[in-house]
């Protein structure tokens, strides 16, 4: 009887530990998730990489799984270089001992425009130093999958008569984003030079190069460029190097 009591007590203790792990406070993870936002928006890639384990997996949409700090730096450094900012909204966060998960939604912005919305799942590990870091990160867009094969990226540089007038054409409803999207360019990011007030640029993700070229050379495309004050004689088009 004494042995049975001891075994029963041990089982109750294990159950209590298990329940305690499941109900642990997840605020450290949600706080670290806020730090992810802050690092991306501050363009602080070193801090962002430090939020991941050294062997973390990153699993981007329409891309292969990659692993390690260099993969994290390349993936999110590209977002920073493209001028993207973001916002994460956790939906459910749980902690079980030294592991946890965080499920939520995201918004990516390019300037004042929403570039993408989607959802993510992260798994987290608490290291020997007591710090929580992301060990697996997977996310995907709410938008429909693009058809038509691989994407090509273009960089277009040109001068404009009035940079604020040109930028206004890319903001709000019925902006130039809609015209480009309807003609093979699903995503366009706008840039301006801090040194030359007339120099502007576009980074374009192209799924149908023929449709985009036809639009640019069409009467509609030329009229749009003229209305936006684009100096077509200054235009330079660079294609992505493979």
C-alpha atoms as a PDB file:
ATOM      1  CA  UNK A   1       0.000   0.000   0.000  1.00  0.00           C
ATOM      2  CA  UNK A   2       2.828   2.388   0.885  1.00  0.00           C
ATOM      3  CA  UNK A   3       4.472   1.723  -2.528  1.00  0.00           C
ATOM      4  CA  UNK A   4       1.180   2.434  -4.327  1.00  0.00           C
ATOM      5  CA  UNK A   5       0.806   5.744  -2.508  1.00  0.00           C
ATOM      6  CA  UNK A   6       4.362   6.794  -3.515  1.00  0.00           C
ATOM      7  CA  UNK A   7       3.737   5.926  -7.189  1.00  0.00           C
ATOM      8  CA  UNK A   8       0.402   7.775  -7.185  1.00  0.00           C
ATOM      9  CA  UNK A   9       2.038  10.864  -5.662  1.00  0.00           C
ATOM     10  CA  UNK A  10       4.777  10.820  -8.322  1.00  0.00           C
ATOM     11  CA  UNK A  11       2.215  10.587 -11.104  1.00  0.00           C
ATOM     12  CA  UNK A  12       0.274  13.521  -9.678  1.00  0.00           C
ATOM     13  CA  UNK A  13       3.493  15.548  -9.502  1.00  0.00           C
ATOM     14  CA  UNK A  14       4.282  14.795 -13.147  1.00  0.00           C
ATOM     15  CA  UNK A  15       0.767  15.771 -14.179  1.00  0.00           C
ATOM     16  CA  UNK A  16       1.082  19.046 -12.290  1.00  0.00           C
ATOM     17  CA  UNK A  17       4.404  19.793 -14.015  1.00  0.00           C
ATOM     18  CA  UNK A  18       2.875  19.032 -17.393  1.00  0.00           C
ATOM     19  CA  UNK A  19      -0.102  21.292 -16.743  1.00  0.00           C
ATOM     20  CA  UNK A  20       2.211  24.010 -15.510  1.00  0.00           C
ATOM     21  CA  UNK A  21       4.212  23.832 -18.744  1.00  0.00           C
ATOM     22  CA  UNK A  22       1.086  24.129 -20.902  1.00  0.00           C
ATOM     23  CA  UNK A  23      -0.168  27.126 -18.963  1.00  0.00           C
ATOM     24  CA  UNK A  24       3.164  28.971 -18.829  1.00  0.00           C
ATOM     25  CA  UNK A  25       3.084  32.690 -19.597  1.00  0.00           C
ATOM     26  CA  UNK A  26       3.713  33.220 -23.362  1.00  0.00           C
ATOM     27  CA  UNK A  27       4.351  36.964 -22.969  1.00  0.00           C
ATOM     28  CA  UNK A  28       8.103  36.555 -23.511  1.00  0.00           C
ATOM     29  CA  UNK A  29       7.432  35.116 -26.968  1.00  0.00           C
ATOM     30  CA  UNK A  30       4.895  37.791 -27.913  1.00  0.00           C
ATOM     31  CA  UNK A  31       7.331  40.435 -26.666  1.00  0.00           C
ATOM     32  CA  UNK A  32      10.089  38.959 -28.838  1.00  0.00           C
ATOM     33  CA  UNK A  33       7.623  38.944 -31.738  1.00  0.00           C
ATOM     34  CA  UNK A  34       7.161  42.702 -31.215  1.00  0.00           C
ATOM     35  CA  UNK A  35      10.948  43.023 -31.305  1.00  0.00           C
ATOM     36  CA  UNK A  36      10.892  41.297 -34.736  1.00  0.00           C
ATOM     37  CA  UNK A  37       8.577  44.060 -36.010  1.00  0.00           C
ATOM     38  CA  UNK A  38      10.795  46.750 -34.550  1.00  0.00           C
ATOM     39  CA  UNK A  39      13.968  45.294 -36.076  1.00  0.00           C
ATOM     40  CA  UNK A  40      12.476  44.991 -39.579  1.00  0.00           C
ATOM     41  CA  UNK A  41      11.038  48.497 -39.503  1.00  0.00           C
ATOM     42  CA  UNK A  42      14.304  49.933 -38.163  1.00  0.00           C
ATOM     43  CA  UNK A  43      16.205  48.072 -40.932  1.00  0.00           C
ATOM     44  CA  UNK A  44      18.274  46.429 -38.187  1.00  0.00           C
ATOM     45  CA  UNK A  45      19.129  43.087 -39.770  1.00  0.00           C
ATOM     46  CA  UNK A  46      21.629  42.115 -37.046  1.00  0.00           C
ATOM     47  CA  UNK A  47      19.000  42.358 -34.300  1.00  0.00           C
ATOM     48  CA  UNK A  48      16.501  40.490 -36.465  1.00  0.00           C
ATOM     49  CA  UNK A  49      18.946  37.628 -37.112  1.00  0.00           C
ATOM     50  CA  UNK A  50      19.601  37.466 -33.367  1.00  0.00           C
ATOM     51  CA  UNK A  51      15.937  36.572 -32.806  1.00  0.00           C
ATOM     52  CA  UNK A  52      16.538  33.180 -34.508  1.00  0.00           C
ATOM     53  CA  UNK A  53      18.465  30.114 -33.414  1.00  0.00           C
ATOM     54  CA  UNK A  54      21.712  29.516 -35.277  1.00  0.00           C
ATOM     55  CA  UNK A  55      20.163  26.503 -37.050  1.00  0.00           C
ATOM     56  CA  UNK A  56      16.717  28.011 -37.657  1.00  0.00           C
ATOM     57  CA  UNK A  57      14.695  26.935 -40.687  1.00  0.00           C
ATOM     58  CA  UNK A  58      13.098  29.631 -42.862  1.00  0.00           C
ATOM     59  CA  UNK A  59      10.329  28.430 -45.177  1.00  0.00           C
ATOM     60  CA  UNK A  60       9.210  31.289 -47.449  1.00  0.00           C
ATOM     61  CA  UNK A  61       6.271  31.070 -49.869  1.00  0.00           C
ATOM     62  CA  UNK A  62       7.156  29.629 -53.270  1.00  0.00           C
ATOM     63  CA  UNK A  63      10.705  28.935 -52.151  1.00  0.00           C
ATOM     64  CA  UNK A  64      12.874  26.167 -50.770  1.00  0.00           C
ATOM     65  CA  UNK A  65      13.489  25.642 -47.062  1.00  0.00           C
ATOM     66  CA  UNK A  66      16.833  27.084 -45.985  1.00  0.00           C
ATOM     67  CA  UNK A  67      18.616  26.818 -42.684  1.00  0.00           C
ATOM     68  CA  UNK A  68      20.934  28.878 -40.513  1.00  0.00           C
ATOM     69  CA  UNK A  69      21.737  32.488 -39.733  1.00  0.00           C
ATOM     70  CA  UNK A  70      22.926  33.230 -43.279  1.00  0.00           C
ATOM     71  CA  UNK A  71      19.559  32.090 -44.644  1.00  0.00           C
ATOM     72  CA  UNK A  72      17.711  34.312 -42.162  1.00  0.00           C
ATOM     73  CA  UNK A  73      19.929  37.271 -43.069  1.00  0.00           C
ATOM     74  CA  UNK A  74      19.441  36.749 -46.813  1.00  0.00           C
ATOM     75  CA  UNK A  75      15.667  36.310 -46.606  1.00  0.00           C
ATOM     76  CA  UNK A  76      14.831  39.288 -44.437  1.00  0.00           C
ATOM     77  CA  UNK A  77      17.736  41.425 -45.600  1.00  0.00           C
ATOM     78  CA  UNK A  78      16.134  41.291 -49.059  1.00  0.00           C
ATOM     79  CA  UNK A  79      12.886  42.630 -47.567  1.00  0.00           C
ATOM     80  CA  UNK A  80      14.776  45.476 -45.910  1.00  0.00           C
ATOM     81  CA  UNK A  81      16.683  46.261 -49.112  1.00  0.00           C
ATOM     82  CA  UNK A  82      13.353  46.393 -50.984  1.00  0.00           C
ATOM     83  CA  UNK A  83      12.129  49.067 -48.570  1.00  0.00           C
ATOM     84  CA  UNK A  84       9.481  46.868 -46.956  1.00  0.00           C
ATOM     85  CA  UNK A  85       8.121  47.390 -43.454  1.00  0.00           C
ATOM     86  CA  UNK A  86       5.860  45.026 -41.570  1.00  0.00           C
ATOM     87  CA  UNK A  87       3.468  44.327 -38.754  1.00  0.00           C
ATOM     88  CA  UNK A  88       2.873  40.982 -37.022  1.00  0.00           C
ATOM     89  CA  UNK A  89      -0.346  40.243 -35.136  1.00  0.00           C
ATOM     90  CA  UNK A  90      -0.162  37.114 -32.930  1.00  0.00           C
ATOM     91  CA  UNK A  91      -3.396  35.094 -32.780  1.00  0.00           C
ATOM     92  CA  UNK A  92      -2.343  32.200 -30.567  1.00  0.00           C
ATOM     93  CA  UNK A  93       0.834  31.715 -28.548  1.00  0.00           C
ATOM     94  CA  UNK A  94       1.554  28.713 -26.316  1.00  0.00           C
ATOM     95  CA  UNK A  95       4.536  27.604 -24.231  1.00  0.00           C
ATOM     96  CA  UNK A  96       5.338  24.009 -23.252  1.00  0.00           C
ATOM     97  CA  UNK A  97       8.499  23.803 -21.200  1.00  0.00           C
ATOM     98  CA  UNK A  98      11.372  25.127 -23.305  1.00  0.00           C
ATOM     99  CA  UNK A  99       9.431  25.078 -26.582  1.00  0.00           C
ATOM    100  CA  UNK A 100       6.544  27.157 -27.846  1.00  0.00           C
ATOM    101  CA  UNK A 101       4.707  28.283 -30.917  1.00  0.00           C
ATOM    102  CA  UNK A 102       3.283  31.533 -32.253  1.00  0.00           C
ATOM    103  CA  UNK A 103       0.538  31.717 -34.895  1.00  0.00           C
ATOM    104  CA  UNK A 104      -0.562  34.998 -36.418  1.00  0.00           C
ATOM    105  CA  UNK A 105      -1.061  37.264 -39.396  1.00  0.00           C
ATOM    106  CA  UNK A 106       1.223  39.767 -41.072  1.00  0.00           C
ATOM    107  CA  UNK A 107       1.055  42.905 -43.184  1.00  0.00           C
ATOM    108  CA  UNK A 108       3.946  43.978 -45.429  1.00  0.00           C
ATOM    109  CA  UNK A 109       4.013  47.571 -46.614  1.00  0.00           C
ATOM    110  CA  UNK A 110       5.964  49.356 -49.326  1.00  0.00           C
ATOM    111  CA  UNK A 111       5.891  53.035 -48.482  1.00  0.00           C
ATOM    112  CA  UNK A 112       2.286  53.893 -47.735  1.00  0.00           C
ATOM    113  CA  UNK A 113       0.886  50.939 -49.701  1.00  0.00           C
ATOM    114  CA  UNK A 114       0.059  47.420 -48.506  1.00  0.00           C
ATOM    115  CA  UNK A 115       2.315  45.084 -50.482  1.00  0.00           C
ATOM    116  CA  UNK A 116       1.073  41.794 -49.022  1.00  0.00           C
ATOM    117  CA  UNK A 117      -0.991  40.242 -46.241  1.00  0.00           C
ATOM    118  CA  UNK A 118      -0.734  36.687 -44.988  1.00  0.00           C
ATOM    119  CA  UNK A 119      -0.254  34.327 -42.066  1.00  0.00           C
ATOM    120  CA  UNK A 120       2.643  32.641 -40.298  1.00  0.00           C
ATOM    121  CA  UNK A 121       3.563  29.918 -37.839  1.00  0.00           C
ATOM    122  CA  UNK A 122       6.733  30.084 -35.746  1.00  0.00           C
ATOM    123  CA  UNK A 123       8.171  27.547 -33.343  1.00  0.00           C
ATOM    124  CA  UNK A 124      10.350  28.908 -30.553  1.00  0.00           C
ATOM    125  CA  UNK A 125      13.031  27.420 -28.310  1.00  0.00           C
ATOM    126  CA  UNK A 126      14.361  28.700 -25.006  1.00  0.00           C
ATOM    127  CA  UNK A 127      18.142  28.474 -25.016  1.00  0.00           C
ATOM    128  CA  UNK A 128      20.534  27.659 -22.204  1.00  0.00           C
ATOM    129  CA  UNK A 129      20.779  31.418 -21.618  1.00  0.00           C
ATOM    130  CA  UNK A 130      17.023  31.575 -20.971  1.00  0.00           C
ATOM    131  CA  UNK A 131      16.325  33.570 -24.130  1.00  0.00           C
ATOM    132  CA  UNK A 132      13.541  32.569 -26.534  1.00  0.00           C
ATOM    133  CA  UNK A 133      14.486  32.370 -30.236  1.00  0.00           C
ATOM    134  CA  UNK A 134      12.660  31.283 -33.395  1.00  0.00           C
ATOM    135  CA  UNK A 135      13.643  27.804 -34.567  1.00  0.00           C
ATOM    136  CA  UNK A 136      11.216  27.424 -37.497  1.00  0.00           C
ATOM    137  CA  UNK A 137       9.482  30.182 -39.470  1.00  0.00           C
ATOM    138  CA  UNK A 138       6.956  29.566 -42.244  1.00  0.00           C
ATOM    139  CA  UNK A 139       4.629  32.107 -43.854  1.00  0.00           C
ATOM    140  CA  UNK A 140       2.443  32.511 -46.941  1.00  0.00           C
ATOM    141  CA  UNK A 141       0.356  35.140 -48.658  1.00  0.00           C
ATOM    142  CA  UNK A 142      -3.408  35.538 -48.547  1.00  0.00           C
ATOM    143  CA  UNK A 143      -3.275  36.382 -52.262  1.00  0.00           C
ATOM    144  CA  UNK A 144      -3.899  33.878 -55.015  1.00  0.00           C
ATOM    145  CA  UNK A 145      -0.848  32.035 -56.324  1.00  0.00           C
ATOM    146  CA  UNK A 146       0.576  33.715 -59.407  1.00  0.00           C
ATOM    147  CA  UNK A 147       0.234  31.871 -62.668  1.00  0.00           C
ATOM    148  CA  UNK A 148       2.588  31.827 -65.616  1.00  0.00           C
ATOM    149  CA  UNK A 149       5.845  30.402 -64.313  1.00  0.00           C
ATOM    150  CA  UNK A 150       8.867  32.140 -62.878  1.00  0.00           C
ATOM    151  CA  UNK A 151       9.068  35.803 -62.009  1.00  0.00           C
ATOM    152  CA  UNK A 152      11.623  38.228 -63.412  1.00  0.00           C
ATOM    153  CA  UNK A 153      12.725  41.350 -61.579  1.00  0.00           C
ATOM    154  CA  UNK A 154      13.348  44.646 -63.340  1.00  0.00           C
ATOM    155  CA  UNK A 155      14.911  47.857 -62.072  1.00  0.00           C
ATOM    156  CA  UNK A 156      13.748  50.961 -63.958  1.00  0.00           C
ATOM    157  CA  UNK A 157      15.423  54.294 -63.269  1.00  0.00           C
ATOM    158  CA  UNK A 158      14.219  57.611 -64.689  1.00  0.00           C
ATOM    159  CA  UNK A 159      13.943  61.305 -63.902  1.00  0.00           C
ATOM    160  CA  UNK A 160      10.610  63.033 -63.401  1.00  0.00           C
ATOM    161  CA  UNK A 161       9.449  66.639 -63.527  1.00  0.00           C
ATOM    162  CA  UNK A 162       8.054  66.608 -59.979  1.00  0.00           C
ATOM    163  CA  UNK A 163       8.795  63.704 -57.636  1.00  0.00           C
ATOM    164  CA  UNK A 164       5.811  64.347 -55.355  1.00  0.00           C
ATOM    165  CA  UNK A 165       3.451  64.429 -58.334  1.00  0.00           C
ATOM    166  CA  UNK A 166       4.959  61.160 -59.602  1.00  0.00           C
ATOM    167  CA  UNK A 167       4.677  59.462 -56.211  1.00  0.00           C
ATOM    168  CA  UNK A 168       1.046  60.582 -55.872  1.00  0.00           C
ATOM    169  CA  UNK A 169       0.203  58.564 -58.992  1.00  0.00           C
ATOM    170  CA  UNK A 170       1.354  55.421 -57.126  1.00  0.00           C
ATOM    171  CA  UNK A 171      -0.764  56.076 -54.009  1.00  0.00           C
ATOM    172  CA  UNK A 172      -4.401  55.457 -53.152  1.00  0.00           C
ATOM    173  CA  UNK A 173      -7.162  53.765 -55.104  1.00  0.00           C
ATOM    174  CA  UNK A 174      -6.791  53.254 -58.864  1.00  0.00           C
ATOM    175  CA  UNK A 175      -3.064  53.975 -58.611  1.00  0.00           C
ATOM    176  CA  UNK A 176      -0.450  52.966 -61.172  1.00  0.00           C
ATOM    177  CA  UNK A 177      -0.117  49.715 -59.211  1.00  0.00           C
ATOM    178  CA  UNK A 178      -3.450  48.633 -60.705  1.00  0.00           C
ATOM    179  CA  UNK A 179      -2.337  49.408 -64.271  1.00  0.00           C
ATOM    180  CA  UNK A 180       0.906  47.460 -63.850  1.00  0.00           C
ATOM    181  CA  UNK A 181      -0.798  44.580 -62.034  1.00  0.00           C
ATOM    182  CA  UNK A 182      -3.225  44.175 -64.935  1.00  0.00           C
ATOM    183  CA  UNK A 183      -0.285  43.929 -67.332  1.00  0.00           C
ATOM    184  CA  UNK A 184       2.009  41.279 -65.882  1.00  0.00           C
ATOM    185  CA  UNK A 185       3.578  43.174 -62.979  1.00  0.00           C
ATOM    186  CA  UNK A 186       2.025  41.939 -59.739  1.00  0.00           C
ATOM    187  CA  UNK A 187       4.318  43.885 -57.384  1.00  0.00           C
ATOM    188  CA  UNK A 188       5.973  47.268 -57.908  1.00  0.00           C
ATOM    189  CA  UNK A 189       8.060  49.141 -55.330  1.00  0.00           C
ATOM    190  CA  UNK A 190       8.751  52.860 -55.773  1.00  0.00           C
ATOM    191  CA  UNK A 191      11.991  54.634 -54.859  1.00  0.00           C
ATOM    192  CA  UNK A 192      13.356  58.168 -54.845  1.00  0.00           C
ATOM    193  CA  UNK A 193      16.934  59.400 -54.652  1.00  0.00           C
ATOM    194  CA  UNK A 194      17.921  61.364 -51.532  1.00  0.00           C
ATOM    195  CA  UNK A 195      20.605  63.173 -53.555  1.00  0.00           C
ATOM    196  CA  UNK A 196      18.811  63.938 -56.829  1.00  0.00           C
ATOM    197  CA  UNK A 197      15.246  65.257 -56.288  1.00  0.00           C
ATOM    198  CA  UNK A 198      14.223  64.269 -59.817  1.00  0.00           C
ATOM    199  CA  UNK A 199      15.625  60.729 -59.863  1.00  0.00           C
ATOM    200  CA  UNK A 200      13.123  57.950 -59.176  1.00  0.00           C
ATOM    201  CA  UNK A 201      13.005  54.211 -59.644  1.00  0.00           C
ATOM    202  CA  UNK A 202      10.825  51.125 -59.763  1.00  0.00           C
ATOM    203  CA  UNK A 203      11.615  47.552 -58.742  1.00  0.00           C
ATOM    204  CA  UNK A 204       9.110  45.361 -60.549  1.00  0.00           C
ATOM    205  CA  UNK A 205       8.271  41.668 -60.103  1.00  0.00           C
ATOM    206  CA  UNK A 206       7.192  40.585 -63.592  1.00  0.00           C
ATOM    207  CA  UNK A 207       5.199  37.460 -64.438  1.00  0.00           C
ATOM    208  CA  UNK A 208       4.421  38.385 -68.061  1.00  0.00           C
ATOM    209  CA  UNK A 209       7.200  40.389 -69.679  1.00  0.00           C
ATOM    210  CA  UNK A 210       5.413  40.613 -73.017  1.00  0.00           C
ATOM    211  CA  UNK A 211       2.282  42.119 -71.499  1.00  0.00           C
ATOM    212  CA  UNK A 212       4.324  44.653 -69.515  1.00  0.00           C
ATOM    213  CA  UNK A 213       6.395  45.755 -72.515  1.00  0.00           C
ATOM    214  CA  UNK A 214       3.267  46.074 -74.651  1.00  0.00           C
ATOM    215  CA  UNK A 215       1.594  48.257 -72.023  1.00  0.00           C
ATOM    216  CA  UNK A 216       4.619  50.529 -71.609  1.00  0.00           C
ATOM    217  CA  UNK A 217       4.820  51.117 -75.367  1.00  0.00           C
ATOM    218  CA  UNK A 218       1.057  51.466 -75.840  1.00  0.00           C
ATOM    219  CA  UNK A 219      -0.786  54.775 -76.115  1.00  0.00           C
ATOM    220  CA  UNK A 220      -2.186  54.150 -72.620  1.00  0.00           C
ATOM    221  CA  UNK A 221       1.256  53.534 -71.154  1.00  0.00           C
ATOM    222  CA  UNK A 222       2.834  56.545 -72.824  1.00  0.00           C
ATOM    223  CA  UNK A 223      -0.059  58.767 -71.752  1.00  0.00           C
ATOM    224  CA  UNK A 224       0.317  57.558 -68.144  1.00  0.00           C
ATOM    225  CA  UNK A 225       4.068  58.291 -68.199  1.00  0.00           C
ATOM    226  CA  UNK A 226       3.460  61.760 -69.645  1.00  0.00           C
ATOM    227  CA  UNK A 227       0.758  62.496 -67.054  1.00  0.00           C
ATOM    228  CA  UNK A 228       3.142  61.449 -64.280  1.00  0.00           C
ATOM    229  CA  UNK A 229       5.936  63.670 -65.608  1.00  0.00           C
ATOM    230  CA  UNK A 230       8.300  60.816 -66.527  1.00  0.00           C
ATOM    231  CA  UNK A 231      11.222  61.955 -68.699  1.00  0.00           C
ATOM    232  CA  UNK A 232      11.341  58.958 -71.004  1.00  0.00           C
ATOM    233  CA  UNK A 233      14.685  59.984 -72.520  1.00  0.00           C
ATOM    234  CA  UNK A 234      16.336  59.409 -69.105  1.00  0.00           C
ATOM    235  CA  UNK A 235      14.887  55.908 -68.630  1.00  0.00           C
ATOM    236  CA  UNK A 236      17.240  52.999 -67.905  1.00  0.00           C
ATOM    237  CA  UNK A 237      16.012  49.412 -67.594  1.00  0.00           C
ATOM    238  CA  UNK A 238      18.138  46.823 -65.783  1.00  0.00           C
ATOM    239  CA  UNK A 239      17.278  43.116 -65.726  1.00  0.00           C
ATOM    240  CA  UNK A 240      18.042  40.748 -62.876  1.00  0.00           C
ATOM    241  CA  UNK A 241      21.445  39.084 -63.142  1.00  0.00           C
ATOM    242  CA  UNK A 242      21.325  35.281 -62.936  1.00  0.00           C
END
